[in-house]
Amino acid sequence: MTRDSLSRRLRARGWRLTRQRQAVVAFLDEAQGHVTAEEVHAAVQTGATPISLATVYNTLTTLAAMGELGEVRAGRGPTRFDPTVRPHDHLLCDACRRLIDIEPVLAPEVELPAARRRGFVVDRVDVLVRGRCRECAAAK
């Protein structure tokens, strides 16, 4: 995701880019990995533009609803926002809570057998593999 292309896409959708939203978009351009609203708020709050945590959270959830960010809910802890929107799965370290992107574990066309769906229409499958990252496993 690049700031100019994201900004351009958002403007094309009629989304008003306030200074606060621009600060969030700029942070997302530089962010590595999966971020929480609190992390974004702490980073952009240090700038000259005042911004509330609610504004950051609303901006991130709106971007996720627009398909510009992914939302990852990995058990306990806050929702994380993922700049990678192509289909992929995650490894979650139960020790340090780090999330790592991996290629999809299941092919997109994998479908639950009709008897197990209970009438549910499957749109996508998200896989979260839990364990310990290399660093945490080595520390034990």
N, C-alpha and C. Protein backbone atom coordinates (compact mmCIF):
# COMPACT_ATOMS: atom_id res chain seq x y z
N MET A 1 0.86 -1.16 0.00
CA MET A 1 0.00 0.00 0.00
C MET A 1 0.91 1.22 0.00
N THR A 2 0.71 2.14 -0.92
CA THR A 2 1.48 3.36 -0.90
C THR A 2 0.57 4.52 -0.58
N ARG A 3 1.13 5.52 0.08
CA ARG A 3 0.33 6.65 0.54
C ARG A 3 -0.40 7.33 -0.60
N ASP A 4 0.30 7.61 -1.71
CA ASP A 4 -0.34 8.29 -2.82
C ASP A 4 -1.47 7.47 -3.42
N SER A 5 -1.23 6.18 -3.64
CA SER A 5 -2.26 5.37 -4.27
C SER A 5 -3.44 5.17 -3.32
N LEU A 6 -3.19 4.97 -2.03
CA LEU A 6 -4.28 4.84 -1.08
C LEU A 6 -5.04 6.16 -0.98
N SER A 7 -4.32 7.25 -0.86
CA SER A 7 -4.99 8.56 -0.81
C SER A 7 -5.84 8.79 -2.05
N ARG A 8 -5.29 8.44 -3.20
CA ARG A 8 -6.01 8.62 -4.47
C ARG A 8 -7.27 7.76 -4.50
N ARG A 9 -7.13 6.50 -4.06
CA ARG A 9 -8.30 5.61 -4.04
C ARG A 9 -9.37 6.12 -3.08
N LEU A 10 -8.94 6.62 -1.95
CA LEU A 10 -9.90 7.12 -0.97
C LEU A 10 -10.62 8.36 -1.48
N ARG A 11 -9.88 9.26 -2.11
CA ARG A 11 -10.52 10.46 -2.69
C ARG A 11 -11.49 10.08 -3.80
N ALA A 12 -11.12 9.08 -4.61
CA ALA A 12 -12.00 8.63 -5.70
C ALA A 12 -13.31 8.09 -5.14
N ARG A 13 -13.28 7.58 -3.93
CA ARG A 13 -14.50 7.07 -3.29
C ARG A 13 -15.26 8.18 -2.57
N GLY A 14 -14.75 9.40 -2.64
CA GLY A 14 -15.42 10.52 -2.00
C GLY A 14 -15.11 10.64 -0.52
N TRP A 15 -14.05 9.97 -0.07
CA TRP A 15 -13.67 10.00 1.34
C TRP A 15 -12.87 11.26 1.60
N ARG A 16 -13.31 12.06 2.55
CA ARG A 16 -12.60 13.29 2.88
C ARG A 16 -11.35 12.97 3.71
N LEU A 17 -10.20 13.41 3.22
CA LEU A 17 -8.93 13.13 3.91
C LEU A 17 -8.57 14.31 4.80
N THR A 18 -9.04 14.24 6.03
CA THR A 18 -8.69 15.26 7.01
C THR A 18 -7.21 15.11 7.38
N ARG A 19 -6.68 16.06 8.12
CA ARG A 19 -5.28 15.94 8.57
C ARG A 19 -5.10 14.71 9.44
N GLN A 20 -6.10 14.40 10.26
CA GLN A 20 -6.00 13.23 11.12
C GLN A 20 -5.96 11.94 10.29
N ARG A 21 -6.84 11.84 9.30
CA ARG A 21 -6.84 10.65 8.44
C ARG A 21 -5.56 10.56 7.63
N GLN A 22 -5.05 11.70 7.17
CA GLN A 22 -3.78 11.70 6.44
C GLN A 22 -2.66 11.19 7.32
N ALA A 23 -2.66 11.55 8.61
CA ALA A 23 -1.63 11.07 9.53
C ALA A 23 -1.69 9.56 9.68
N VAL A 24 -2.91 9.01 9.76
CA VAL A 24 -3.07 7.56 9.88
C VAL A 24 -2.57 6.87 8.61
N VAL A 25 -2.95 7.40 7.45
CA VAL A 25 -2.53 6.82 6.17
C VAL A 25 -1.01 6.87 6.05
N ALA A 26 -0.40 7.99 6.44
CA ALA A 26 1.06 8.11 6.39
C ALA A 26 1.72 7.07 7.29
N PHE A 27 1.17 6.87 8.48
CA PHE A 27 1.73 5.85 9.38
C PHE A 27 1.61 4.46 8.76
N LEU A 28 0.47 4.16 8.17
CA LEU A 28 0.26 2.84 7.57
C LEU A 28 1.25 2.57 6.45
N ASP A 29 1.65 3.62 5.73
CA ASP A 29 2.65 3.46 4.67
C ASP A 29 3.97 2.96 5.22
N GLU A 30 4.32 3.40 6.41
CA GLU A 30 5.62 3.07 7.00
C GLU A 30 5.56 1.86 7.92
N ALA A 31 4.36 1.48 8.34
CA ALA A 31 4.21 0.41 9.32
C ALA A 31 4.67 -0.92 8.76
N GLN A 32 5.28 -1.69 9.61
CA GLN A 32 5.69 -3.05 9.27
C GLN A 32 4.81 -4.00 10.05
N GLY A 33 4.13 -4.88 9.36
CA GLY A 33 3.34 -5.89 10.04
C GLY A 33 1.97 -5.41 10.47
N HIS A 34 1.45 -6.06 11.48
CA HIS A 34 0.08 -5.89 11.94
C HIS A 34 0.08 -4.91 13.11
N VAL A 35 -0.74 -3.89 13.02
CA VAL A 35 -0.75 -2.84 14.04
C VAL A 35 -2.10 -2.76 14.73
N THR A 36 -2.08 -2.30 15.97
CA THR A 36 -3.31 -2.05 16.70
C THR A 36 -3.66 -0.57 16.59
N ALA A 37 -4.91 -0.25 16.90
CA ALA A 37 -5.32 1.15 16.91
C ALA A 37 -4.50 1.93 17.93
N GLU A 38 -4.19 1.29 19.05
CA GLU A 38 -3.40 1.96 20.09
C GLU A 38 -1.99 2.28 19.60
N GLU A 39 -1.38 1.37 18.85
CA GLU A 39 -0.04 1.62 18.30
C GLU A 39 -0.07 2.77 17.30
N VAL A 40 -1.07 2.77 16.45
CA VAL A 40 -1.20 3.86 15.47
C VAL A 40 -1.41 5.18 16.20
N HIS A 41 -2.28 5.18 17.19
CA HIS A 41 -2.56 6.41 17.94
C HIS A 41 -1.29 6.95 18.60
N ALA A 42 -0.54 6.07 19.26
CA ALA A 42 0.70 6.50 19.93
C ALA A 42 1.68 7.10 18.93
N ALA A 43 1.76 6.52 17.74
CA ALA A 43 2.71 7.00 16.73
C ALA A 43 2.28 8.33 16.13
N VAL A 44 1.01 8.49 15.82
CA VAL A 44 0.57 9.73 15.16
C VAL A 44 0.31 10.84 16.15
N GLN A 45 0.10 10.50 17.41
CA GLN A 45 -0.15 11.51 18.45
C GLN A 45 1.09 12.36 18.69
N THR A 46 2.27 11.85 18.35
CA THR A 46 3.50 12.60 18.58
C THR A 46 3.68 13.73 17.57
N GLY A 47 2.90 13.72 16.50
CA GLY A 47 3.01 14.75 15.48
C GLY A 47 2.28 16.02 15.87
N ALA A 48 2.22 16.95 14.96
CA ALA A 48 1.61 18.25 15.21
C ALA A 48 0.09 18.21 15.12
N THR A 49 -0.47 17.12 14.61
CA THR A 49 -1.91 17.01 14.44
C THR A 49 -2.53 16.26 15.61
N PRO A 50 -3.36 16.93 16.44
CA PRO A 50 -4.02 16.20 17.53
C PRO A 50 -5.03 15.22 16.97
N ILE A 51 -5.11 14.04 17.60
CA ILE A 51 -6.02 13.01 17.13
C ILE A 51 -6.43 12.13 18.31
N SER A 52 -7.69 11.78 18.34
CA SER A 52 -8.19 10.93 19.43
C SER A 52 -8.05 9.46 19.03
N LEU A 53 -8.04 8.60 20.05
CA LEU A 53 -8.01 7.17 19.80
C LEU A 53 -9.27 6.74 19.04
N ALA A 54 -10.40 7.35 19.36
CA ALA A 54 -11.65 7.02 18.65
C ALA A 54 -11.54 7.33 17.17
N THR A 55 -10.92 8.44 16.82
CA THR A 55 -10.74 8.80 15.40
C THR A 55 -9.84 7.80 14.70
N VAL A 56 -8.76 7.39 15.37
CA VAL A 56 -7.86 6.39 14.79
C VAL A 56 -8.62 5.08 14.57
N TYR A 57 -9.33 4.63 15.60
CA TYR A 57 -10.06 3.38 15.50
C TYR A 57 -11.12 3.45 14.39
N ASN A 58 -11.87 4.54 14.34
CA ASN A 58 -12.89 4.70 13.29
C ASN A 58 -12.26 4.72 11.90
N THR A 59 -11.12 5.36 11.76
CA THR A 59 -10.42 5.42 10.48
C THR A 59 -9.97 4.02 10.05
N LEU A 60 -9.37 3.28 10.98
CA LEU A 60 -8.90 1.93 10.66
C LEU A 60 -10.05 0.99 10.32
N THR A 61 -11.13 1.04 11.09
CA THR A 61 -12.24 0.14 10.80
C THR A 61 -12.94 0.52 9.50
N THR A 62 -12.98 1.79 9.17
CA THR A 62 -13.55 2.22 7.89
C THR A 62 -12.67 1.74 6.74
N LEU A 63 -11.35 1.87 6.87
CA LEU A 63 -10.44 1.37 5.84
C LEU A 63 -10.58 -0.14 5.67
N ALA A 64 -10.77 -0.86 6.77
CA ALA A 64 -10.97 -2.31 6.69
C ALA A 64 -12.29 -2.63 5.98
N ALA A 65 -13.34 -1.89 6.31
CA ALA A 65 -14.63 -2.11 5.66
C ALA A 65 -14.57 -1.82 4.16
N MET A 66 -13.69 -0.90 3.78
CA MET A 66 -13.51 -0.56 2.36
C MET A 66 -12.62 -1.57 1.64
N GLY A 67 -11.99 -2.48 2.38
CA GLY A 67 -11.11 -3.46 1.78
C GLY A 67 -9.68 -2.97 1.62
N GLU A 68 -9.34 -1.86 2.26
CA GLU A 68 -7.99 -1.30 2.16
C GLU A 68 -7.05 -1.85 3.25
N LEU A 69 -7.62 -2.46 4.28
CA LEU A 69 -6.86 -3.10 5.36
C LEU A 69 -7.58 -4.38 5.72
N GLY A 70 -6.83 -5.33 6.26
CA GLY A 70 -7.44 -6.51 6.82
C GLY A 70 -7.58 -6.34 8.32
N GLU A 71 -8.54 -7.01 8.92
CA GLU A 71 -8.69 -7.02 10.37
C GLU A 71 -8.39 -8.43 10.85
N VAL A 72 -7.51 -8.54 11.84
CA VAL A 72 -7.16 -9.84 12.39
C VAL A 72 -7.52 -9.85 13.87
N ARG A 73 -8.41 -10.75 14.22
CA ARG A 73 -8.76 -10.96 15.62
C ARG A 73 -8.17 -12.31 16.01
N ALA A 74 -7.17 -12.25 16.85
CA ALA A 74 -6.43 -13.47 17.19
C ALA A 74 -6.59 -13.78 18.67
N GLY A 75 -7.79 -14.14 19.06
CA GLY A 75 -8.03 -14.49 20.45
C GLY A 75 -7.96 -13.28 21.35
N ARG A 76 -7.32 -13.45 22.49
CA ARG A 76 -7.24 -12.34 23.45
C ARG A 76 -6.39 -11.21 22.87
N GLY A 77 -6.65 -10.03 23.33
CA GLY A 77 -5.89 -8.88 22.85
C GLY A 77 -6.68 -8.09 21.82
N PRO A 78 -6.12 -6.96 21.44
CA PRO A 78 -6.84 -6.06 20.55
C PRO A 78 -6.86 -6.56 19.10
N THR A 79 -7.79 -6.03 18.34
CA THR A 79 -7.84 -6.28 16.90
C THR A 79 -6.59 -5.69 16.28
N ARG A 80 -6.03 -6.40 15.33
CA ARG A 80 -4.86 -5.88 14.60
C ARG A 80 -5.27 -5.61 13.17
N PHE A 81 -4.66 -4.61 12.59
CA PHE A 81 -4.97 -4.21 11.23
C PHE A 81 -3.80 -4.57 10.33
N ASP A 82 -4.12 -5.19 9.22
CA ASP A 82 -3.13 -5.80 8.34
C ASP A 82 -3.12 -5.07 7.00
N PRO A 83 -2.00 -4.48 6.62
CA PRO A 83 -1.93 -3.79 5.32
C PRO A 83 -1.95 -4.76 4.13
N THR A 84 -1.74 -6.04 4.38
CA THR A 84 -1.77 -7.03 3.30
C THR A 84 -3.21 -7.50 3.13
N VAL A 85 -3.81 -7.14 1.99
CA VAL A 85 -5.22 -7.49 1.78
C VAL A 85 -5.40 -8.68 0.85
N ARG A 86 -4.33 -9.15 0.22
CA ARG A 86 -4.46 -10.36 -0.61
C ARG A 86 -4.74 -11.54 0.31
N PRO A 87 -5.36 -12.61 -0.20
CA PRO A 87 -5.65 -13.76 0.66
C PRO A 87 -4.36 -14.35 1.25
N HIS A 88 -4.36 -14.50 2.56
CA HIS A 88 -3.24 -15.12 3.27
C HIS A 88 -3.70 -15.53 4.65
N ASP A 89 -2.90 -16.35 5.31
CA ASP A 89 -3.19 -16.81 6.65
C ASP A 89 -2.12 -16.29 7.60
N HIS A 90 -2.21 -16.68 8.88
CA HIS A 90 -1.31 -16.14 9.88
C HIS A 90 -0.79 -17.21 10.83
N LEU A 91 0.45 -16.99 11.28
CA LEU A 91 1.03 -17.71 12.40
C LEU A 91 0.94 -16.76 13.59
N LEU A 92 0.53 -17.25 14.75
CA LEU A 92 0.44 -16.43 15.96
C LEU A 92 1.31 -17.04 17.04
N CYS A 93 2.25 -16.26 17.55
CA CYS A 93 3.08 -16.72 18.66
C CYS A 93 2.30 -16.48 19.95
N ASP A 94 2.02 -17.56 20.67
CA ASP A 94 1.28 -17.44 21.93
C ASP A 94 2.11 -16.80 23.04
N ALA A 95 3.43 -16.74 22.87
CA ALA A 95 4.29 -16.15 23.89
C ALA A 95 4.40 -14.63 23.73
N CYS A 96 4.80 -14.17 22.55
CA CYS A 96 5.02 -12.73 22.35
C CYS A 96 3.89 -12.05 21.58
N ARG A 97 2.92 -12.83 21.09
CA ARG A 97 1.73 -12.33 20.38
C ARG A 97 2.04 -11.82 18.97
N ARG A 98 3.22 -12.12 18.45
CA ARG A 98 3.59 -11.69 17.11
C ARG A 98 2.76 -12.44 16.07
N LEU A 99 2.31 -11.73 15.04
CA LEU A 99 1.59 -12.32 13.91
C LEU A 99 2.50 -12.32 12.70
N ILE A 100 2.52 -13.42 11.99
CA ILE A 100 3.36 -13.56 10.80
C ILE A 100 2.49 -14.00 9.64
N ASP A 101 2.57 -13.29 8.52
CA ASP A 101 1.82 -13.67 7.32
C ASP A 101 2.43 -14.91 6.69
N ILE A 102 1.55 -15.80 6.23
CA ILE A 102 1.98 -16.98 5.46
C ILE A 102 1.03 -17.14 4.28
N GLU A 103 1.48 -17.86 3.28
CA GLU A 103 0.61 -18.15 2.14
C GLU A 103 -0.59 -18.95 2.63
N PRO A 104 -1.71 -18.87 1.92
CA PRO A 104 -2.90 -19.60 2.38
C PRO A 104 -2.62 -21.09 2.60
N VAL A 105 -3.11 -21.60 3.71
CA VAL A 105 -2.95 -23.02 4.05
C VAL A 105 -3.92 -23.86 3.23
N LEU A 106 -5.12 -23.36 3.05
CA LEU A 106 -6.14 -24.06 2.27
C LEU A 106 -6.39 -23.30 0.97
N ALA A 107 -6.60 -24.03 -0.08
CA ALA A 107 -6.94 -23.40 -1.36
C ALA A 107 -8.30 -22.71 -1.23
N PRO A 108 -8.49 -21.57 -1.90
CA PRO A 108 -9.76 -20.83 -1.76
C PRO A 108 -10.98 -21.65 -2.14
N GLU A 109 -10.79 -22.63 -3.01
CA GLU A 109 -11.95 -23.41 -3.45
C GLU A 109 -12.31 -24.55 -2.49
N VAL A 110 -11.51 -24.73 -1.42
CA VAL A 110 -11.84 -25.75 -0.44
C VAL A 110 -13.17 -25.36 0.22
N GLU A 111 -14.04 -26.31 0.30
CA GLU A 111 -15.37 -26.01 0.82
C GLU A 111 -15.76 -27.06 1.85
N LEU A 112 -16.49 -26.64 2.84
CA LEU A 112 -17.01 -27.60 3.82
C LEU A 112 -18.04 -28.49 3.15
N PRO A 113 -18.07 -29.76 3.51
CA PRO A 113 -19.12 -30.61 2.97
C PRO A 113 -20.49 -30.07 3.38
N ALA A 114 -21.46 -30.23 2.53
CA ALA A 114 -22.80 -29.69 2.76
C ALA A 114 -23.35 -30.10 4.13
N ALA A 115 -23.08 -31.33 4.55
CA ALA A 115 -23.61 -31.81 5.82
C ALA A 115 -23.03 -31.04 7.02
N ARG A 116 -21.83 -30.47 6.86
CA ARG A 116 -21.20 -29.74 7.97
C ARG A 116 -21.48 -28.25 7.93
N ARG A 117 -21.98 -27.74 6.82
CA ARG A 117 -22.24 -26.30 6.68
C ARG A 117 -23.49 -25.85 7.40
N ARG A 118 -24.44 -26.77 7.59
CA ARG A 118 -25.70 -26.42 8.26
C ARG A 118 -26.39 -25.24 7.60
N GLY A 119 -26.35 -25.22 6.27
CA GLY A 119 -26.99 -24.15 5.51
C GLY A 119 -26.18 -22.89 5.38
N PHE A 120 -25.00 -22.87 5.98
CA PHE A 120 -24.14 -21.69 5.96
C PHE A 120 -23.45 -21.58 4.60
N VAL A 121 -23.43 -20.38 4.01
CA VAL A 121 -22.74 -20.14 2.75
C VAL A 121 -21.34 -19.63 3.08
N VAL A 122 -20.30 -20.36 2.68
CA VAL A 122 -18.92 -20.01 3.00
C VAL A 122 -18.39 -19.02 1.96
N ASP A 123 -17.95 -17.85 2.44
CA ASP A 123 -17.36 -16.84 1.56
C ASP A 123 -15.84 -16.93 1.54
N ARG A 124 -15.25 -17.24 2.68
CA ARG A 124 -13.80 -17.37 2.75
C ARG A 124 -13.43 -18.15 4.00
N VAL A 125 -12.19 -18.63 4.02
CA VAL A 125 -11.68 -19.37 5.17
C VAL A 125 -10.41 -18.66 5.64
N ASP A 126 -10.37 -18.31 6.93
CA ASP A 126 -9.18 -17.72 7.53
C ASP A 126 -8.56 -18.76 8.45
N VAL A 127 -7.25 -18.95 8.30
CA VAL A 127 -6.56 -19.93 9.14
C VAL A 127 -5.58 -19.18 10.04
N LEU A 128 -5.63 -19.51 11.33
CA LEU A 128 -4.71 -18.96 12.32
C LEU A 128 -3.99 -20.15 12.96
N VAL A 129 -2.68 -20.23 12.72
CA VAL A 129 -1.88 -21.32 13.27
C VAL A 129 -1.18 -20.78 14.51
N ARG A 130 -1.39 -21.43 15.65
CA ARG A 130 -0.85 -20.96 16.91
C ARG A 130 0.34 -21.79 17.35
N GLY A 131 1.29 -21.15 18.02
CA GLY A 131 2.47 -21.84 18.53
C GLY A 131 3.43 -20.82 19.10
N ARG A 132 4.73 -21.05 18.91
CA ARG A 132 5.75 -20.11 19.36
C ARG A 132 6.68 -19.77 18.21
N CYS A 133 6.99 -18.49 18.07
CA CYS A 133 7.90 -18.06 17.02
C CYS A 133 9.31 -18.59 17.30
N ARG A 134 10.19 -18.47 16.35
CA ARG A 134 11.56 -18.99 16.47
C ARG A 134 12.25 -18.43 17.71
N GLU A 135 12.13 -17.13 17.93
CA GLU A 135 12.81 -16.48 19.06
C GLU A 135 12.27 -16.99 20.39
N CYS A 136 10.96 -17.08 20.52
CA CYS A 136 10.36 -17.54 21.78
C CYS A 136 10.63 -19.03 22.01
N ALA A 137 10.62 -19.82 20.96
CA ALA A 137 10.91 -21.24 21.10
C ALA A 137 12.36 -21.45 21.53
N ALA A 138 13.28 -20.63 21.02
CA ALA A 138 14.70 -20.74 21.37
C ALA A 138 14.95 -20.28 22.81
N ALA A 139 14.13 -19.37 23.32
CA ALA A 139 14.32 -18.85 24.66
C ALA A 139 13.90 -19.84 25.74
N LYS A 140 13.13 -20.85 25.41
CA LYS A 140 12.65 -21.82 26.41
C LYS A 140 13.64 -22.94 26.59
